[in-house]
C-alpha atoms as a PDB file:
ATOM      1  CA  MET A   1     105.069  75.697 123.673  1.00  0.00           C
ATOM      2  CA  LEU A   2     105.721  79.159 124.942  1.00  0.00           C
ATOM      3  CA  LEU A   3     107.682  80.225 121.956  1.00  0.00           C
ATOM      4  CA  MET A   4     104.639  78.943 119.652  1.00  0.00           C
ATOM      5  CA  LEU A   5     102.006  80.553 121.675  1.00  0.00           C
ATOM      6  CA  ALA A   6     104.042  84.088 121.206  1.00  0.00           C
ATOM      7  CA  CYS A   7     104.404  83.620 117.769  1.00  0.00           C
ATOM      8  CA  GLY A   8     100.548  82.763 117.393  1.00  0.00           C
ATOM      9  CA  VAL A   9      99.573  86.162 119.174  1.00  0.00           C
ATOM     10  CA  LEU A  10     102.160  88.274 116.896  1.00  0.00           C
ATOM     11  CA  LEU A  11     100.264  86.327 113.942  1.00  0.00           C
ATOM     12  CA  ALA A  12      96.964  87.226 115.398  1.00  0.00           C
ATOM     13  CA  VAL A  13      97.802  90.814 115.871  1.00  0.00           C
ATOM     14  CA  GLY A  14      98.933  90.900 112.358  1.00  0.00           C
ATOM     15  CA  VAL A  15      95.510  89.630 111.312  1.00  0.00           C
ATOM     16  CA  VAL A  16      93.707  92.035 113.351  1.00  0.00           C
ATOM     17  CA  LEU A  17      95.553  95.167 111.998  1.00  0.00           C
ATOM     18  CA  THR A  18      95.140  93.833 108.443  1.00  0.00           C
ATOM     19  CA  LEU A  19      91.355  93.409 108.828  1.00  0.00           C
ATOM     20  CA  ARG A  20      91.287  96.903 110.759  1.00  0.00           C
ATOM     21  CA  TRP A  21      93.364  98.951 108.087  1.00  0.00           C
ATOM     22  CA  SER A  22      92.182  96.924 104.990  1.00  0.00           C
ATOM     23  CA  GLY A  23      91.534  99.512 102.195  1.00  0.00           C
ATOM     24  CA  GLU A  24      94.293 101.810 103.154  1.00  0.00           C
ATOM     25  CA  ARG A  25      96.409 103.409 100.341  1.00  0.00           C
ATOM     26  CA  VAL A  26      99.741 104.924 100.553  1.00  0.00           C
ATOM     27  CA  ARG A  27      99.251 108.463 100.766  1.00  0.00           C
ATOM     28  CA  SER A  28     102.362 110.773  99.596  1.00  0.00           C
ATOM     29  CA  PRO A  29     103.091 113.585 101.680  1.00  0.00           C
ATOM     30  CA  HIS A  30     102.965 117.159 100.143  1.00  0.00           C
ATOM     31  CA  ARG A  31     105.911 117.968  98.202  1.00  0.00           C
ATOM     32  CA  PRO A  32     108.380 120.456 100.340  1.00  0.00           C
ATOM     33  CA  GLU A  33     107.720 123.826  98.938  1.00  0.00           C
ATOM     34  CA  ALA A  34     111.733 124.144  98.346  1.00  0.00           C
ATOM     35  CA  LEU A  35     111.417 121.511  95.421  1.00  0.00           C
ATOM     36  CA  VAL A  36     108.490 123.226  93.853  1.00  0.00           C
ATOM     37  CA  ALA A  37     109.348 126.107  91.485  1.00  0.00           C
ATOM     38  CA  ARG A  38     108.055 129.222  93.114  1.00  0.00           C
ATOM     39  CA  PRO A  39     107.582 132.953  92.247  1.00  0.00           C
ATOM     40  CA  SER A  40     109.993 135.440  93.075  1.00  0.00           C
ATOM     41  CA  THR A  41     109.868 136.711  96.639  1.00  0.00           C
ATOM     42  CA  ALA A  42     108.362 139.964  95.896  1.00  0.00           C
ATOM     43  CA  SER A  43     105.410 138.346  94.273  1.00  0.00           C
ATOM     44  CA  VAL A  44     104.589 136.122  97.295  1.00  0.00           C
ATOM     45  CA  THR A  45     101.946 137.387  99.304  1.00  0.00           C
ATOM     46  CA  PRO A  46     101.485 137.256 103.264  1.00  0.00           C
ATOM     47  CA  ALA A  47      98.692 135.020 102.578  1.00  0.00           C
ATOM     48  CA  ALA A  48     100.696 132.550 100.262  1.00  0.00           C
ATOM     49  CA  LEU A  49     103.600 132.626 102.868  1.00  0.00           C
ATOM     50  CA  ALA A  50     101.255 131.759 105.767  1.00  0.00           C
ATOM     51  CA  ALA A  51     100.059 128.528 103.767  1.00  0.00           C
ATOM     52  CA  SER A  52     103.538 127.543 102.830  1.00  0.00           C
ATOM     53  CA  ASP A  53     105.381 124.897 104.499  1.00  0.00           C
ATOM     54  CA  PRO A  54     106.949 126.539 107.640  1.00  0.00           C
ATOM     55  CA  ALA A  55     110.224 124.607 106.997  1.00  0.00           C
ATOM     56  CA  THR A  56     110.347 126.305 103.673  1.00  0.00           C
ATOM     57  CA  VAL A  57     109.493 129.831 104.830  1.00  0.00           C
ATOM     58  CA  ALA A  58     112.635 130.159 106.649  1.00  0.00           C
ATOM     59  CA  SER A  59     114.652 128.621 104.042  1.00  0.00           C
ATOM     60  CA  ASP A  60     115.855 131.746 102.747  1.00  0.00           C
ATOM     61  CA  ALA A  61     117.737 132.427 106.442  1.00  0.00           C
ATOM     62  CA  ASP A  62     118.543 128.875 107.275  1.00  0.00           C
ATOM     63  CA  PRO A  63     120.922 126.652 105.056  1.00  0.00           C
ATOM     64  CA  TRP A  64     119.238 123.608 107.048  1.00  0.00           C
ATOM     65  CA  MET A  65     115.834 124.237 105.086  1.00  0.00           C
ATOM     66  CA  SER A  66     117.696 124.532 101.492  1.00  0.00           C
ATOM     67  CA  ARG A  67     116.361 122.666  98.515  1.00  0.00           C
ATOM     68  CA  HIS A  68     118.769 119.720  99.115  1.00  0.00           C
ATOM     69  CA  ALA A  69     117.395 119.422 102.712  1.00  0.00           C
ATOM     70  CA  ALA A  70     114.023 119.382 101.441  1.00  0.00           C
ATOM     71  CA  GLY A  71     115.034 116.532  99.012  1.00  0.00           C
ATOM     72  CA  LEU A  72     116.305 114.745 102.203  1.00  0.00           C
ATOM     73  CA  ARG A  73     113.085 115.584 104.126  1.00  0.00           C
ATOM     74  CA  LEU A  74     111.244 113.711 101.508  1.00  0.00           C
ATOM     75  CA  TYR A  75     113.188 110.840 101.313  1.00  0.00           C
ATOM     76  CA  VAL A  76     113.398 110.315 105.316  1.00  0.00           C
ATOM     77  CA  TRP A  77     109.642 110.190 104.852  1.00  0.00           C
ATOM     78  CA  TRP A  78     109.686 107.008 102.474  1.00  0.00           C
ATOM     79  CA  ALA A  79     112.486 105.627 104.478  1.00  0.00           C
ATOM     80  CA  THR A  80     110.364 105.669 107.422  1.00  0.00           C
ATOM     81  CA  VAL A  81     107.541 104.099 106.101  1.00  0.00           C
ATOM     82  CA  PHE A  82     109.535 101.557 104.528  1.00  0.00           C
ATOM     83  CA  THR A  83     111.423 100.737 107.767  1.00  0.00           C
ATOM     84  CA  CYS A  84     108.097 100.544 109.692  1.00  0.00           C
ATOM     85  CA  ILE A  85     105.973  98.068 107.210  1.00  0.00           C
ATOM     86  CA  GLY A  86     109.251  96.057 106.568  1.00  0.00           C
ATOM     87  CA  THR A  87     109.956  95.489 110.307  1.00  0.00           C
ATOM     88  CA  LEU A  88     106.465  94.863 111.432  1.00  0.00           C
ATOM     89  CA  SER A  89     105.679  92.551 108.514  1.00  0.00           C
ATOM     90  CA  GLY A  90     108.896  90.512 109.375  1.00  0.00           C
ATOM     91  CA  LEU A  91     107.901  90.257 113.130  1.00  0.00           C
ATOM     92  CA  LEU A  92     104.319  89.506 112.722  1.00  0.00           C
ATOM     93  CA  ILE A  93     103.555  87.794 109.443  1.00  0.00           C
ATOM     94  CA  THR A  94     106.706  86.290 107.794  1.00  0.00           C
ATOM     95  CA  GLY A  95     108.583  85.989 111.351  1.00  0.00           C
ATOM     96  CA  ALA A  96     105.779  84.611 113.529  1.00  0.00           C
ATOM     97  CA  GLY A  97     103.728  83.320 110.655  1.00  0.00           C
ATOM     98  CA  GLY A  98     106.328  81.717 108.986  1.00  0.00           C
ATOM     99  CA  ARG A  99     107.645  79.945 112.284  1.00  0.00           C
ATOM    100  CA  LEU A 100     103.958  78.722 112.822  1.00  0.00           C
ATOM    101  CA  VAL A 101     103.669  76.910 109.227  1.00  0.00           C
ATOM    102  CA  MET A 102     107.013  75.450 109.971  1.00  0.00           C
ATOM    103  CA  ARG A 103     105.716  73.875 113.168  1.00  0.00           C
ATOM    104  CA  LEU A 104     102.434  72.871 111.487  1.00  0.00           C
ATOM    105  CA  LEU A 105     104.468  70.979 108.978  1.00  0.00           C
ATOM    106  CA  ALA A 106     106.540  69.314 111.530  1.00  0.00           C
ATOM    107  CA  ALA A 107     103.498  68.212 113.562  1.00  0.00           C
ATOM    108  CA  THR A 108     101.981  66.446 110.576  1.00  0.00           C
ATOM    109  CA  THR A 109     105.163  64.617 109.927  1.00  0.00           C
ATOM    110  CA  PRO A 110     105.880  63.211 113.198  1.00  0.00           C
ATOM    111  CA  GLU A 111     108.332  60.315 111.518  1.00  0.00           C
ATOM    112  CA  ALA A 112     110.545  63.399 110.484  1.00  0.00           C
ATOM    113  CA  THR A 113     111.428  64.193 114.200  1.00  0.00           C
ATOM    114  CA  GLY A 114     114.865  64.451 114.812  1.00  0.00           C
ATOM    115  CA  ARG A 115     115.978  64.795 111.132  1.00  0.00           C
ATOM    116  CA  GLY A 116     118.032  67.932 109.682  1.00  0.00           C
ATOM    117  CA  THR A 117     116.641  70.404 107.535  1.00  0.00           C
ATOM    118  CA  GLU A 118     118.334  72.605 104.489  1.00  0.00           C
ATOM    119  CA  ALA A 119     118.814  75.503 107.157  1.00  0.00           C
ATOM    120  CA  GLN A 120     120.859  73.000 109.632  1.00  0.00           C
ATOM    121  CA  ALA A 121     117.699  72.665 112.003  1.00  0.00           C
ATOM    122  CA  ILE A 122     116.279  70.012 113.697  1.00  0.00           C
ATOM    123  CA  VAL A 123     112.752  69.002 112.841  1.00  0.00           C
ATOM    124  CA  GLY A 124     110.626  69.185 116.164  1.00  0.00           C
ATOM    125  CA  GLU A 125     113.125  70.773 118.030  1.00  0.00           C
ATOM    126  CA  ILE A 126     111.590  74.575 119.151  1.00  0.00           C
ATOM    127  CA  SER A 127     114.164  76.871 120.657  1.00  0.00           C
ATOM    128  CA  ALA A 128     114.694  80.625 120.831  1.00  0.00           C
ATOM    129  CA  GLY A 129     118.096  80.550 119.092  1.00  0.00           C
ATOM    130  CA  GLY A 130     116.634  78.734 116.077  1.00  0.00           C
ATOM    131  CA  THR A 131     113.657  81.007 115.902  1.00  0.00           C
ATOM    132  CA  LEU A 132     116.010  84.115 116.110  1.00  0.00           C
ATOM    133  CA  GLY A 133     118.141  82.850 113.182  1.00  0.00           C
ATOM    134  CA  TYR A 134     115.178  82.216 111.059  1.00  0.00           C
ATOM    135  CA  LEU A 135     113.792  85.822 111.765  1.00  0.00           C
ATOM    136  CA  VAL A 136     117.212  87.448 111.163  1.00  0.00           C
ATOM    137  CA  PHE A 137     118.367  85.524 108.312  1.00  0.00           C
ATOM    138  CA  GLY A 138     115.128  84.550 106.494  1.00  0.00           C
ATOM    139  CA  ALA A 139     112.000  86.407 107.575  1.00  0.00           C
ATOM    140  CA  LEU A 140     113.307  90.030 107.991  1.00  0.00           C
ATOM    141  CA  PRO A 141     115.371  90.001 104.857  1.00  0.00           C
ATOM    142  CA  PHE A 142     112.296  88.897 102.837  1.00  0.00           C
ATOM    143  CA  ALA A 143     110.002  91.361 104.732  1.00  0.00           C
ATOM    144  CA  PHE A 144     112.167  94.258 103.875  1.00  0.00           C
ATOM    145  CA  ALA A 145     112.753  93.325 100.279  1.00  0.00           C
ATOM    146  CA  SER A 146     108.963  92.600  99.814  1.00  0.00           C
ATOM    147  CA  ALA A 147     108.619  96.278 101.388  1.00  0.00           C
ATOM    148  CA  ALA A 148     110.397  97.860  98.988  1.00  0.00           C
ATOM    149  CA  LEU A 149     108.823  96.289  95.942  1.00  0.00           C
ATOM    150  CA  TYR A 150     105.485  97.046  97.498  1.00  0.00           C
ATOM    151  CA  LEU A 151     106.233 100.923  97.399  1.00  0.00           C
ATOM    152  CA  LEU A 152     107.688 100.741  94.074  1.00  0.00           C
ATOM    153  CA  VAL A 153     104.861  99.168  92.740  1.00  0.00           C
ATOM    154  CA  GLU A 154     101.938 100.061  94.712  1.00  0.00           C
ATOM    155  CA  PRO A 155     100.218 102.323  92.589  1.00  0.00           C
ATOM    156  CA  TRP A 156     100.060  99.609  89.671  1.00  0.00           C
ATOM    157  CA  LEU A 157      98.175  97.554  91.694  1.00  0.00           C
ATOM    158  CA  PRO A 158      94.247  97.146  92.026  1.00  0.00           C
ATOM    159  CA  ARG A 159      92.511  99.892  93.872  1.00  0.00           C
ATOM    160  CA  GLY A 160      90.718  99.219  97.314  1.00  0.00           C
ATOM    161  CA  ARG A 161      90.911  96.295  99.347  1.00  0.00           C
ATOM    162  CA  LEU A 162      92.183  93.882  96.746  1.00  0.00           C
ATOM    163  CA  GLY A 163      95.725  95.653  96.092  1.00  0.00           C
ATOM    164  CA  GLY A 164      97.034  94.091  99.101  1.00  0.00           C
ATOM    165  CA  PRO A 165      96.103  90.707  98.511  1.00  0.00           C
ATOM    166  CA  ALA A 166      97.029  90.826  94.694  1.00  0.00           C
ATOM    167  CA  PHE A 167     100.633  92.003  95.708  1.00  0.00           C
ATOM    168  CA  GLY A 168     100.865  88.746  97.815  1.00  0.00           C
ATOM    169  CA  LEU A 169      99.930  86.691  94.860  1.00  0.00           C
ATOM    170  CA  ILE A 170     102.510  88.178  92.581  1.00  0.00           C
ATOM    171  CA  LEU A 171     105.078  87.486  95.296  1.00  0.00           C
ATOM    172  CA  LEU A 172     103.802  83.877  95.552  1.00  0.00           C
ATOM    173  CA  VAL A 173     104.077  83.363  91.995  1.00  0.00           C
ATOM    174  CA  GLY A 174     107.030  85.442  91.029  1.00  0.00           C
ATOM    175  CA  VAL A 175     109.288  85.066  93.749  1.00  0.00           C
ATOM    176  CA  SER A 176     108.486  81.812  95.803  1.00  0.00           C
ATOM    177  CA  PRO A 177     109.460  79.114  93.090  1.00  0.00           C
ATOM    178  CA  PHE A 178     112.996  80.977  92.699  1.00  0.00           C
ATOM    179  CA  VAL A 179     113.999  81.868  96.152  1.00  0.00           C
ATOM    180  CA  ASP A 180     111.404  80.524  98.868  1.00  0.00           C
ATOM    181  CA  PRO A 181     109.143  79.474 100.351  1.00  0.00           C
ATOM    182  CA  LEU A 182     108.175  77.289  97.353  1.00  0.00           C
ATOM    183  CA  ARG A 183     111.579  76.688  95.735  1.00  0.00           C
ATOM    184  CA  PRO A 184     111.561  72.948  94.587  1.00  0.00           C
ATOM    185  CA  GLU A 185     114.849  72.333  95.070  1.00  0.00           C
ATOM    186  CA  ASN A 186     114.391  72.901  98.938  1.00  0.00           C
ATOM    187  CA  VAL A 187     115.117  69.342 100.471  1.00  0.00           C
ATOM    188  CA  ASP A 188     112.746  70.087 103.371  1.00  0.00           C
ATOM    189  CA  PHE A 189     109.670  69.070 101.237  1.00  0.00           C
ATOM    190  CA  ASP A 190     111.146  65.651 101.450  1.00  0.00           C
ATOM    191  CA  VAL A 191     111.358  65.878 105.009  1.00  0.00           C
ATOM    192  CA  VAL A 192     108.105  67.302 106.385  1.00  0.00           C
ATOM    193  CA  GLY A 193     104.896  67.836 104.630  1.00  0.00           C
ATOM    194  CA  PRO A 194     102.123  66.640 103.333  1.00  0.00           C
ATOM    195  CA  GLY A 195     103.090  68.755 100.225  1.00  0.00           C
ATOM    196  CA  TRP A 196      99.746  70.045  99.569  1.00  0.00           C
ATOM    197  CA  LEU A 197      99.452  71.376 102.839  1.00  0.00           C
ATOM    198  CA  SER A 198     102.864  73.054 102.550  1.00  0.00           C
ATOM    199  CA  VAL A 199     101.814  74.739  99.275  1.00  0.00           C
ATOM    200  CA  LEU A 200      98.190  76.027 100.846  1.00  0.00           C
ATOM    201  CA  ALA A 201      99.921  77.253 104.288  1.00  0.00           C
ATOM    202  CA  PHE A 202     102.892  79.258 102.230  1.00  0.00           C
ATOM    203  CA  ALA A 203     100.196  80.543  99.879  1.00  0.00           C
ATOM    204  CA  ALA A 204      97.779  81.721 102.488  1.00  0.00           C
ATOM    205  CA  LEU A 205     100.895  83.298 104.491  1.00  0.00           C
ATOM    206  CA  SER A 206     101.838  85.085 101.142  1.00  0.00           C
ATOM    207  CA  VAL A 207      98.415  86.549 100.497  1.00  0.00           C
ATOM    208  CA  LEU A 208      98.277  87.670 104.201  1.00  0.00           C
ATOM    209  CA  HIS A 209     101.710  89.127 104.009  1.00  0.00           C
ATOM    210  CA  GLY A 210     100.765  91.156 100.909  1.00  0.00           C
ATOM    211  CA  ALA A 211      97.289  92.416 102.584  1.00  0.00           C
ATOM    212  CA  PHE A 212      99.246  93.556 105.612  1.00  0.00           C
ATOM    213  CA  LEU A 213     101.868  95.443 103.857  1.00  0.00           C
ATOM    214  CA  ALA A 214      99.090  97.375 101.999  1.00  0.00           C
ATOM    215  CA  ALA A 215      97.149  98.045 105.390  1.00  0.00           C
ATOM    216  CA  LEU A 216     100.112  99.053 107.583  1.00  0.00           C
ATOM    217  CA  ALA A 217     101.825 100.965 104.660  1.00  0.00           C
ATOM    218  CA  GLY A 218      98.379 103.071 104.111  1.00  0.00           C
ATOM    219  CA  ARG A 219      98.046 103.412 107.826  1.00  0.00           C
ATOM    220  CA  VAL A 220     101.385 104.860 108.879  1.00  0.00           C
ATOM    221  CA  SER A 221     101.640 107.120 105.448  1.00  0.00           C
ATOM    222  CA  ARG A 222      98.369 108.536 106.652  1.00  0.00           C
ATOM    223  CA  SER A 223      99.765 109.540 110.162  1.00  0.00           C
ATOM    224  CA  LEU A 224     103.450 110.148 109.502  1.00  0.00           C
ATOM    225  CA  PRO A 225     104.293 113.956 109.144  1.00  0.00           C
ATOM    226  CA  LEU A 226     107.385 114.987 107.203  1.00  0.00           C
ATOM    227  CA  VAL A 227     110.537 115.824 109.166  1.00  0.00           C
ATOM    228  CA  THR A 228     110.844 119.466 110.215  1.00  0.00           C
ATOM    229  CA  ARG A 229     113.621 121.302 112.173  1.00  0.00           C
ATOM    230  CA  ASP A 230     111.553 121.325 115.281  1.00  0.00           C
ATOM    231  CA  ARG A 231     109.727 117.810 114.877  1.00  0.00           C
ATOM    232  CA  TRP A 232     112.013 115.090 114.087  1.00  0.00           C
ATOM    233  CA  ALA A 233     112.443 112.784 116.781  1.00  0.00           C
ATOM    234  CA  GLY A 234     109.103 111.031 116.353  1.00  0.00           C
ATOM    235  CA  PRO A 235     108.739 111.040 112.665  1.00  0.00           C
ATOM    236  CA  MET A 236     112.578 109.289 112.513  1.00  0.00           C
ATOM    237  CA  ALA A 237     112.363 106.994 115.576  1.00  0.00           C
ATOM    238  CA  PRO A 238     111.520 104.037 113.431  1.00  0.00           C
ATOM    239  CA  LEU A 239     114.872 104.434 111.671  1.00  0.00           C
ATOM    240  CA  VAL A 240     116.330 102.658 114.600  1.00  0.00           C
ATOM    241  CA  ALA A 241     115.364  99.390 113.418  1.00  0.00           C
ATOM    242  CA  ALA A 242     117.503 100.148 110.180  1.00  0.00           C
ATOM    243  CA  VAL A 243     120.390 100.873 112.148  1.00  0.00           C
ATOM    244  CA  VAL A 244     119.849  97.622 114.089  1.00  0.00           C
ATOM    245  CA  LEU A 245     119.370  95.802 110.945  1.00  0.00           C
ATOM    246  CA  PHE A 246     122.989  97.362 109.618  1.00  0.00           C
ATOM    247  CA  PRO A 247     122.790  95.998 106.037  1.00  0.00           C
ATOM    248  CA  VAL A 248     119.559  97.974 105.592  1.00  0.00           C
ATOM    249  CA  GLY A 249     120.795 101.013 107.302  1.00  0.00           C
ATOM    250  CA  ILE A 250     124.005 101.005 105.042  1.00  0.00           C
ATOM    251  CA  VAL A 251     121.530 100.947 102.009  1.00  0.00           C
ATOM    252  CA  LEU A 252     119.297 103.659 103.435  1.00  0.00           C
ATOM    253  CA  ALA A 253     122.434 106.135 104.193  1.00  0.00           C
ATOM    254  CA  ALA A 254     123.271 105.466 100.758  1.00  0.00           C
ATOM    255  CA  GLY A 255     120.089 106.668  99.482  1.00  0.00           C
ATOM    256  CA  ALA A 256     120.140 109.832 101.930  1.00  0.00           C
ATOM    257  CA  VAL A 257     123.388 110.861 100.345  1.00  0.00           C
ATOM    258  CA  ILE A 258     121.560 110.672  97.030  1.00  0.00           C
ATOM    259  CA  ALA A 259     118.655 112.309  97.803  1.00  0.00           C
ATOM    260  CA  PHE A 260     120.572 115.177  99.373  1.00  0.00           C
ATOM    261  CA  LEU A 261     122.663 115.530  96.305  1.00  0.00           C
ATOM    262  CA  LEU A 262     119.839 115.130  93.878  1.00  0.00           C
ATOM    263  CA  PRO A 263     116.861 116.720  95.615  1.00  0.00           C
ATOM    264  CA  ARG A 264     114.614 116.709  92.727  1.00  0.00           C
ATOM    265  CA  ALA A 265     115.229 112.943  91.623  1.00  0.00           C
ATOM    266  CA  LEU A 266     112.792 111.251  94.103  1.00  0.00           C
ATOM    267  CA  PRO A 267     109.954 113.489  93.307  1.00  0.00           C
ATOM    268  CA  TRP A 268     110.412 113.051  89.810  1.00  0.00           C
ATOM    269  CA  PHE A 269     110.467 109.284  90.225  1.00  0.00           C
ATOM    270  CA  LEU A 270     107.587 109.579  92.423  1.00  0.00           C
ATOM    271  CA  GLU A 271     105.321 111.461  89.718  1.00  0.00           C
ATOM    272  CA  LEU A 272     106.546 109.370  86.857  1.00  0.00           C
ATOM    273  CA  ARG A 273     105.404 105.888  88.604  1.00  0.00           C
ATOM    274  CA  ALA A 274     102.075 107.323  89.370  1.00  0.00           C
ATOM    275  CA  SER A 275     101.459 108.976  86.081  1.00  0.00           C
ATOM    276  CA  ARG A 276      98.685 107.712  84.093  1.00  0.00           C
ATOM    277  CA  SER A 277     101.598 106.255  81.370  1.00  0.00           C
ATOM    278  CA  GLY A 278     103.625 105.072  84.400  1.00  0.00           C
ATOM    279  CA  VAL A 279     100.742 103.203  85.714  1.00  0.00           C
ATOM    280  CA  LEU A 280      99.907 101.581  82.319  1.00  0.00           C
ATOM    281  CA  VAL A 281     103.673 100.674  81.909  1.00  0.00           C
ATOM    282  CA  GLY A 282     103.819  99.488  85.521  1.00  0.00           C
ATOM    283  CA  ARG A 283     100.940  97.058  85.015  1.00  0.00           C
ATOM    284  CA  VAL A 284     102.070  95.523  81.730  1.00  0.00           C
ATOM    285  CA  LEU A 285     105.487  95.008  83.291  1.00  0.00           C
ATOM    286  CA  LEU A 286     104.139  93.195  86.578  1.00  0.00           C
ATOM    287  CA  GLY A 287     101.663  91.207  84.162  1.00  0.00           C
ATOM    288  CA  VAL A 288     104.888  90.099  81.747  1.00  0.00           C
ATOM    289  CA  ALA A 289     106.846  88.759  85.346  1.00  0.00           C
ATOM    290  CA  VAL A 290     104.056  87.006  86.409  1.00  0.00           C
ATOM    291  CA  LEU A 291     103.298  85.431  83.131  1.00  0.00           C
ATOM    292  CA  ALA A 292     107.063  84.683  82.827  1.00  0.00           C
ATOM    293  CA  ALA A 293     107.272  83.147  86.205  1.00  0.00           C
ATOM    294  CA  LEU A 294     103.715  81.122  86.011  1.00  0.00           C
ATOM    295  CA  PRO A 295     105.445  78.067  84.591  1.00  0.00           C
ATOM    296  CA  ALA A 296     108.076  77.779  87.097  1.00  0.00           C
ATOM    297  CA  PHE A 297     105.483  78.289  89.688  1.00  0.00           C
ATOM    298  CA  VAL A 298     102.997  75.358  88.474  1.00  0.00           C
ATOM    299  CA  SER A 299     106.185  73.169  88.020  1.00  0.00           C
ATOM    300  CA  ALA A 300     107.020  73.798  91.843  1.00  0.00           C
ATOM    301  CA  VAL A 301     103.730  73.373  93.143  1.00  0.00           C
ATOM    302  CA  PHE A 302     103.470  70.049  91.292  1.00  0.00           C
ATOM    303  CA  SER A 303     106.749  68.890  92.453  1.00  0.00           C
ATOM    304  CA  ILE A 304     106.074  69.830  96.049  1.00  0.00           C
ATOM    305  CA  VAL A 305     102.490  68.323  96.098  1.00  0.00           C
ATOM    306  CA  GLN A 306     103.786  64.866  94.654  1.00  0.00           C
ATOM    307  CA  ARG A 307     106.577  64.595  97.472  1.00  0.00           C
END
């Protein structure tokens, strides 16, 4: 009971933050000056120097602030945003929310108590170990994958408060029938239910997940500064979560090496995806992906509801 109460509190916090920060959009940081073509030193005025990135002004004298380090700084900013939204959405929405949905479905099917699930859990048994296992192997991997996808497609989503829920619907239609939570092959739908409640609960959680990602990403991006030589501990602190979740940490470390070796690659890609043609192509790709997955989604819903 205490565990479910904690999950309820965490989910409530997620809902409150979503409502408070709804409508926020990701605000990319100013590109470090070292990644921008600049005039020769002789033509740079004192006023221009004063307006420049302080980390870049010293770049000629400090190798740490070279063009490659500037590319790494920009990458670290995006990696930190990704880690923040992935970790918090995994804890508050897919973690706590998903656990509550499972408990709801178990409570509405009392005759299933004591039966096993696909994940080798026991229906009706509430344990810290089972919840931790679901969080580590289910909720957080999904949250990090969806966080990465959100940051990729964010410019292609509707503006304003509709962007986050729209992304949640895209996940629901395009992912849930093939991976989870609406995979029709999942035998758990034969154990707990009813099917219509399963579909409604997971659909609501998916929409909330998308809305939370959008709200949190916008809020974090608005307040997170670029790393500098004198200011790095605070902006980089959320990356500790990626170290604890070592598979994510390995991926981010590999990305950091690429960003350092190819410092202009990330800025080029970010500009391309947010350009007018990039947004048009991206929205077409999203539309095609949703339409392609729609038959499988409809089939999965009918399969689950009829059980």
